[in-house]
Amino acid sequence: MSAASNPTRPNIIIITPHDTGRHFGCYGVESVGTPAIDALAADGVRCTNLFATSTMCSPSRGSLLTGKYPERNGLMGLAGPNYRYELTRPREHLSHLLRAQGYQTVLCGHQHEAADSATLGFDETIREKPEGAVGIAAEVAAFLAQRPREEHRPFFLQIGFIETHTPYLKYGGTPDSSRGVWAPPYMGGGHDEAVLREHLAAFQGSIRQVDLAVAAILAALRAGGLEDNTLVLFTVDHGPELPRAKWTGFDAGAHVAGILRWPGGGLVGGRTCELLLNNT
């Protein structure tokens, strides 16, 4: 049965911020306030051993969205207008596959899989906003509110935020050290503490912007009666821009958040998945 004629097929939303690793309250970082993301984890399934295939943006995202390792999908390096790597077979991108199954596919904000997003098979595009994640979330909320109630075609929203890529707070927000800051244990020596704290406070402020955006999207799902039959995946491309993290093969670079929720499909209850996983 095609997706277009089967209203029980879930809507799918993938939310991917940049360069955040697992720096969220639900992953034990108490200094950062992420109530919306923490609530999503409390309502869904939180993966504790999820690793990215690469600690570079495009290769990791390419694996997530094609189900193939970078050496198989062509994204061995960065993709975009100023970079040379491209998907070998763009039609293997999840958007193309879901569109062929009757999904309405929408790119919301940032993508890092192609120089030209038109090759990725989206029906519509919500472009990046001067307000960053919060602005994109407002557009997503408007899209969900305006969608006809009688629309039986499921949707796929690929939502990408520039946050928490440096420079932090470029699109809004303020540094956040209200609960202190958390630094990886290996950064205890050899670093200027004042500079490190300033860097991490800005990082945490950027994370807060991501959480505000997630809150707006989840609220829009509830308001539209879409929550029960929408599969939400919140994940990150790789670790933060810190020593021994992004661009490196250390755990802090590859270990990422992964939270799934789909009430209608049984992905609920605040469960924890401890299986060793990667993001293909």
Protein backbone atom coordinates (compact mmCIF):
# COMPACT_ATOMS: atom_id res chain seq x y z
CA MET A 1 0.00 0.00 0.00
CA SER A 2 1.41 3.40 -0.92
CA ALA A 3 2.11 6.05 1.69
CA ALA A 4 -0.34 8.39 -0.01
CA SER A 5 -3.24 6.03 0.63
CA ASN A 6 -2.22 4.84 4.10
CA PRO A 7 -2.78 7.53 6.75
CA THR A 8 -1.13 5.38 9.43
CA ARG A 9 2.31 5.81 7.89
CA PRO A 10 4.23 8.05 10.28
CA ASN A 11 5.31 11.55 9.55
CA ILE A 12 9.09 11.79 9.98
CA ILE A 13 11.10 14.67 11.40
CA ILE A 14 14.89 14.59 11.66
CA ILE A 15 16.40 17.46 13.66
CA THR A 16 20.16 17.91 13.41
CA PRO A 17 22.14 20.70 15.03
CA HIS A 18 25.81 21.26 14.26
CA ASP A 19 28.80 20.29 16.37
CA THR A 20 27.09 19.57 19.69
CA GLY A 21 27.95 15.94 20.41
CA ARG A 22 26.01 14.92 23.54
CA HIS A 23 26.17 18.26 25.36
CA PHE A 24 22.61 18.11 26.72
CA GLY A 25 21.07 17.75 30.14
CA CYS A 26 19.66 14.30 29.37
CA TYR A 27 23.20 13.12 28.66
CA GLY A 28 24.46 14.24 32.04
CA VAL A 29 25.65 17.78 31.31
CA GLU A 30 24.01 19.60 34.20
CA SER A 31 25.41 23.03 33.37
CA VAL A 32 23.34 23.43 30.20
CA GLY A 33 19.60 24.06 30.23
CA THR A 34 17.88 21.89 27.61
CA PRO A 35 14.37 21.25 28.99
CA ALA A 36 12.74 20.53 25.62
CA ILE A 37 15.39 18.05 24.50
CA ASP A 38 15.40 16.46 27.95
CA ALA A 39 11.60 16.11 27.80
CA LEU A 40 11.86 14.50 24.37
CA ALA A 41 14.27 11.94 25.83
CA ALA A 42 11.99 11.39 28.83
CA ASP A 43 9.09 10.68 26.47
CA GLY A 44 11.02 8.60 23.95
CA VAL A 45 14.09 6.41 23.55
CA ARG A 46 17.57 7.77 24.30
CA CYS A 47 20.56 6.07 22.67
CA THR A 48 23.66 6.07 24.86
CA ASN A 49 26.17 4.43 22.51
CA LEU A 50 25.51 6.12 19.18
CA PHE A 51 28.58 7.09 17.17
CA ALA A 52 28.93 9.10 13.98
CA THR A 53 30.69 7.53 11.02
CA SER A 54 32.84 10.65 10.74
CA THR A 55 33.72 13.67 12.83
CA MET A 56 33.28 15.90 9.77
CA CYS A 57 29.88 17.38 8.93
CA SER A 58 29.11 16.15 5.42
CA PRO A 59 30.40 12.57 5.75
CA SER A 60 28.41 12.06 8.96
CA ARG A 61 25.22 13.59 7.58
CA GLY A 62 25.62 11.65 4.35
CA SER A 63 25.71 8.40 6.30
CA LEU A 64 22.64 9.35 8.31
CA LEU A 65 20.64 10.25 5.21
CA THR A 66 21.76 7.50 2.80
CA GLY A 67 22.39 4.60 5.16
CA LYS A 68 25.87 4.17 3.66
CA TYR A 69 29.37 4.81 4.89
CA PRO A 70 31.22 7.83 3.44
CA GLU A 71 33.40 5.69 1.17
CA ARG A 72 30.23 4.23 -0.35
CA ASN A 73 28.14 7.38 -0.73
CA GLY A 74 30.90 9.68 -2.00
CA LEU A 75 31.01 12.17 0.87
CA MET A 76 34.57 11.60 2.02
CA GLY A 77 34.89 15.31 2.76
CA LEU A 78 32.80 18.46 2.94
CA ALA A 79 30.00 19.20 0.46
CA GLY A 80 28.70 22.64 -0.39
CA PRO A 81 29.22 25.56 -2.77
CA ASN A 82 32.86 25.96 -1.73
CA TYR A 83 33.76 22.27 -1.43
CA ARG A 84 34.35 19.46 -3.89
CA TYR A 85 32.61 16.38 -2.49
CA GLU A 86 29.15 15.27 -3.64
CA LEU A 87 26.93 12.25 -3.18
CA THR A 88 27.81 9.69 -5.84
CA ARG A 89 24.14 8.81 -6.23
CA PRO A 90 21.96 11.66 -4.93
CA ARG A 91 18.81 9.60 -5.46
CA GLU A 92 19.87 7.41 -2.55
CA HIS A 93 19.21 10.36 -0.22
CA LEU A 94 16.34 9.70 2.17
CA SER A 95 14.29 12.54 0.73
CA HIS A 96 14.24 10.93 -2.72
CA LEU A 97 13.32 7.55 -1.24
CA LEU A 98 10.48 8.91 0.87
CA ARG A 99 9.19 11.12 -1.93
CA ALA A 100 8.92 8.01 -4.11
CA GLN A 101 6.78 6.47 -1.36
CA GLY A 102 4.34 9.37 -1.39
CA TYR A 103 5.80 11.58 1.33
CA GLN A 104 5.78 15.36 1.16
CA THR A 105 9.46 16.19 1.65
CA VAL A 106 10.63 19.52 3.05
CA LEU A 107 14.15 20.78 3.70
CA CYS A 108 14.08 23.15 6.66
CA GLY A 109 17.20 25.22 7.12
CA HIS A 110 20.72 23.88 6.81
CA GLN A 111 21.89 20.90 4.77
CA HIS A 112 25.49 19.78 4.22
CA GLU A 113 25.10 16.95 1.71
CA ALA A 114 25.19 18.83 -1.61
CA ALA A 115 26.31 22.07 -3.23
CA ASP A 116 22.83 22.35 -4.76
CA SER A 117 19.97 21.26 -2.51
CA ALA A 118 17.79 20.79 -5.61
CA THR A 119 19.61 17.49 -6.21
CA LEU A 120 18.34 16.07 -2.91
CA GLY A 121 14.72 15.56 -3.91
CA PHE A 122 12.79 17.92 -1.66
CA ASP A 123 9.36 19.17 -2.67
CA GLU A 124 9.80 22.39 -0.70
CA THR A 125 12.53 24.33 1.08
CA ILE A 126 12.35 26.51 4.17
CA ARG A 127 15.54 28.50 3.87
CA GLU A 128 17.95 29.44 6.63
CA LYS A 129 16.90 32.48 8.64
CA PRO A 130 18.78 35.44 10.16
CA GLU A 131 17.44 34.29 13.53
CA GLY A 132 19.04 30.87 13.09
CA ALA A 133 17.43 27.85 14.73
CA VAL A 134 14.66 29.86 16.37
CA GLY A 135 13.70 31.41 13.03
CA ILE A 136 13.67 28.06 11.26
CA ALA A 137 11.53 26.56 14.02
CA ALA A 138 9.00 29.38 13.64
CA GLU A 139 8.72 28.59 9.92
CA VAL A 140 8.34 24.88 10.65
CA ALA A 141 5.60 25.66 13.16
CA ALA A 142 3.82 27.78 10.55
CA PHE A 143 4.10 24.95 8.00
CA LEU A 144 2.57 22.48 10.45
CA ALA A 145 -0.22 24.89 11.43
CA GLN A 146 -1.16 25.60 7.81
CA ARG A 147 -1.16 21.96 6.72
CA PRO A 148 -4.75 20.90 5.96
CA ARG A 149 -6.20 18.55 8.56
CA GLU A 150 -7.57 16.36 5.78
CA GLU A 151 -4.11 15.92 4.22
CA HIS A 152 -3.41 12.19 4.35
CA ARG A 153 0.00 12.36 2.68
CA PRO A 154 2.68 11.95 5.37
CA PHE A 155 5.50 14.45 5.54
CA PHE A 156 9.26 14.26 5.98
CA LEU A 157 10.95 17.32 7.45
CA GLN A 158 14.75 17.43 7.44
CA ILE A 159 15.51 20.22 9.90
CA GLY A 160 19.08 21.47 10.11
CA PHE A 161 20.44 24.16 12.42
CA ILE A 162 23.74 26.00 12.00
CA GLU A 163 23.92 26.16 15.78
CA THR A 164 26.13 25.15 17.56
CA HIS A 165 28.77 25.78 14.89
CA THR A 166 31.21 28.58 15.61
CA PRO A 167 30.99 31.52 15.81
CA TYR A 168 28.56 30.86 18.62
CA LEU A 169 25.59 33.20 19.09
CA LYS A 170 25.91 34.60 15.56
CA TYR A 171 22.15 34.21 15.14
CA GLY A 172 21.03 35.22 18.61
CA GLY A 173 21.14 34.20 22.22
CA THR A 174 23.53 35.12 25.00
CA PRO A 175 26.34 33.30 26.80
CA ASP A 176 25.00 30.96 29.48
CA SER A 177 27.06 30.12 32.54
CA SER A 178 24.18 30.42 35.01
CA ARG A 179 24.79 26.83 36.13
CA GLY A 180 28.51 26.97 35.56
CA VAL A 181 30.18 25.40 32.54
CA TRP A 182 31.19 21.83 31.84
CA ALA A 183 34.48 20.96 30.18
CA PRO A 184 35.68 17.48 29.21
CA PRO A 185 37.94 16.06 31.94
CA TYR A 186 40.92 15.91 29.58
CA MET A 187 40.87 19.71 29.29
CA GLY A 188 41.86 20.21 32.92
CA GLY A 189 45.41 21.37 32.30
CA GLY A 190 47.26 23.47 29.76
CA HIS A 191 44.28 25.70 28.94
CA ASP A 192 43.60 29.29 29.93
CA GLU A 193 40.67 28.80 32.30
CA ALA A 194 39.11 32.22 31.70
CA VAL A 195 39.23 31.79 27.92
CA LEU A 196 37.87 28.25 28.20
CA ARG A 197 34.98 29.35 30.41
CA GLU A 198 34.10 32.17 28.02
CA HIS A 199 34.15 29.75 25.08
CA LEU A 200 31.98 27.20 26.87
CA ALA A 201 29.49 29.82 28.08
CA ALA A 202 28.97 30.92 24.46
CA PHE A 203 28.66 27.26 23.42
CA GLN A 204 26.02 26.67 26.08
CA GLY A 205 24.14 29.79 24.98
CA SER A 206 24.05 28.39 21.45
CA ILE A 207 22.76 25.06 22.77
CA ARG A 208 20.00 26.97 24.50
CA GLN A 209 18.94 28.38 21.11
CA VAL A 210 18.71 24.83 19.76
CA ASP A 211 16.54 23.81 22.70
CA LEU A 212 14.20 26.76 22.20
CA ALA A 213 13.81 25.74 18.56
CA VAL A 214 13.09 22.12 19.47
CA ALA A 215 10.49 23.31 21.99
CA ALA A 216 8.69 25.32 19.30
CA ILE A 217 8.63 22.39 16.87
CA LEU A 218 7.33 19.93 19.46
CA ALA A 219 4.68 22.41 20.59
CA ALA A 220 3.51 22.79 16.98
CA LEU A 221 3.17 19.01 16.65
CA ARG A 222 1.01 18.90 19.78
CA ALA A 223 -1.12 21.84 18.69
CA GLY A 224 -1.77 20.24 15.31
CA GLY A 225 -2.68 16.84 16.70
CA LEU A 226 0.33 15.36 14.90
CA GLU A 227 2.38 14.17 17.85
CA ASP A 228 1.09 10.60 18.05
CA ASN A 229 1.88 9.65 14.46
CA THR A 230 5.13 11.56 13.99
CA LEU A 231 8.50 9.88 14.36
CA VAL A 232 10.96 12.46 15.68
CA LEU A 233 14.69 11.78 15.54
CA PHE A 234 16.95 14.28 17.26
CA THR A 235 20.63 13.67 16.62
CA VAL A 236 23.91 15.51 15.99
CA ASP A 237 26.46 15.23 13.20
CA HIS A 238 29.49 14.94 15.53
CA GLY A 239 31.18 16.39 18.59
CA PRO A 240 31.83 20.01 19.53
CA GLU A 241 34.63 22.23 18.34
CA LEU A 242 36.94 21.43 21.23
CA PRO A 243 40.32 19.71 21.41
CA ARG A 244 40.09 15.94 20.85
CA ALA A 245 36.52 16.28 19.55
CA LYS A 246 35.41 17.57 16.11
CA TRP A 247 37.81 16.55 13.32
CA THR A 248 39.43 13.85 15.49
CA GLY A 249 38.97 10.14 16.06
CA PHE A 250 38.48 10.47 19.81
CA ASP A 251 35.19 9.58 21.49
CA ALA A 252 34.29 13.23 22.08
CA GLY A 253 34.27 13.71 18.32
CA ALA A 254 32.24 10.66 17.33
CA HIS A 255 29.95 10.03 20.32
CA VAL A 256 26.63 11.78 19.60
CA ALA A 257 23.13 12.17 20.93
CA GLY A 258 20.32 10.11 19.48
CA ILE A 259 16.74 10.46 20.69
CA LEU A 260 13.70 8.90 19.02
CA ARG A 261 10.04 9.37 19.81
CA TRP A 262 7.01 7.96 18.01
CA PRO A 263 4.07 7.47 20.37
CA GLY A 264 1.98 5.65 17.78
CA GLY A 265 4.81 3.25 17.04
CA GLY A 266 5.72 2.42 20.61
CA LEU A 267 8.86 4.57 20.85
CA VAL A 268 7.89 6.12 24.17
CA GLY A 269 8.38 5.76 27.88
CA GLY A 270 11.77 7.27 28.58
CA ARG A 271 13.62 4.10 27.67
CA THR A 272 17.36 3.82 27.15
CA CYS A 273 18.99 1.95 24.28
CA GLU A 274 22.52 0.88 25.21
CA LEU A 275 23.28 -0.99 21.98
CA LEU A 276 26.42 0.05 20.11
CA LEU A 277 25.13 1.95 17.07
CA ASN A 278 26.40 4.18 14.31
CA ASN A 279 24.46 6.74 12.32
CA THR A 280 24.13 4.88 9.02
